[in-house]
Amino acid sequence: MKKYNLIRLYIVTMSLCFLACGMLLAQDEEAQSTSQVSETKSEKAGEQKKTEVLQKTVEGTVSGLGKDYIAVAYQQIEGSEYEIRIAVDENTQIVNKKTIDEIRPQDKVSVTYEEVTTELEGSSETTYKAKAIHFVEARKIAPELYSGEDASLSGAETSPSEDGGSI
């Protein structure tokens, strides 16, 4: 009977250890979260405003560029493609390129951005602001789609047989 009680005590002790470790890890992850929530009360009509700021990263291909935004197409669920438009300003850090002008549509990028959600009396507004754009890889263009001058203008590589050169 003593052996049975000892085994039961061992199992309970190990279960408590696993439970304690899980709780510590959960608290650690919660502490490292980049989420910030603030609530403010508006002076007009006592409206309450809640703002939540999350730092996120999206990786995909550039589907559009402008002087103040970058649009990234990414795949979230098998077979479905999504696009996000993220605001860019002078404080956005460009990594692996000198300027954003060197990034082209269909290039692969990873964008770290802030998602700011503001809730005010039942309605919410979400904005996205780029913190860093990491250039990952240049677009891939099949050389057979271009010939002659078009190939050199597009940046696609041509084989020696296509441009008349020798090996």
Foldseek 3Di string as FASTA:
>chain_A
DVVVVVVVVVVVVVVVVVVVVVVVVVVVVVVPFPKDKDWDFDPPPRKIKIKIKHKDKDKAWFADDDPFWTKGWDDDDVPDIDIDIATEDPQEAEAPDDDPVVGDGQFIKMWIWMWMWMDIDHDIDIHIHTNYIYGDGHHADDQVVDADPRCVVVVHDDDCVRHVHDD
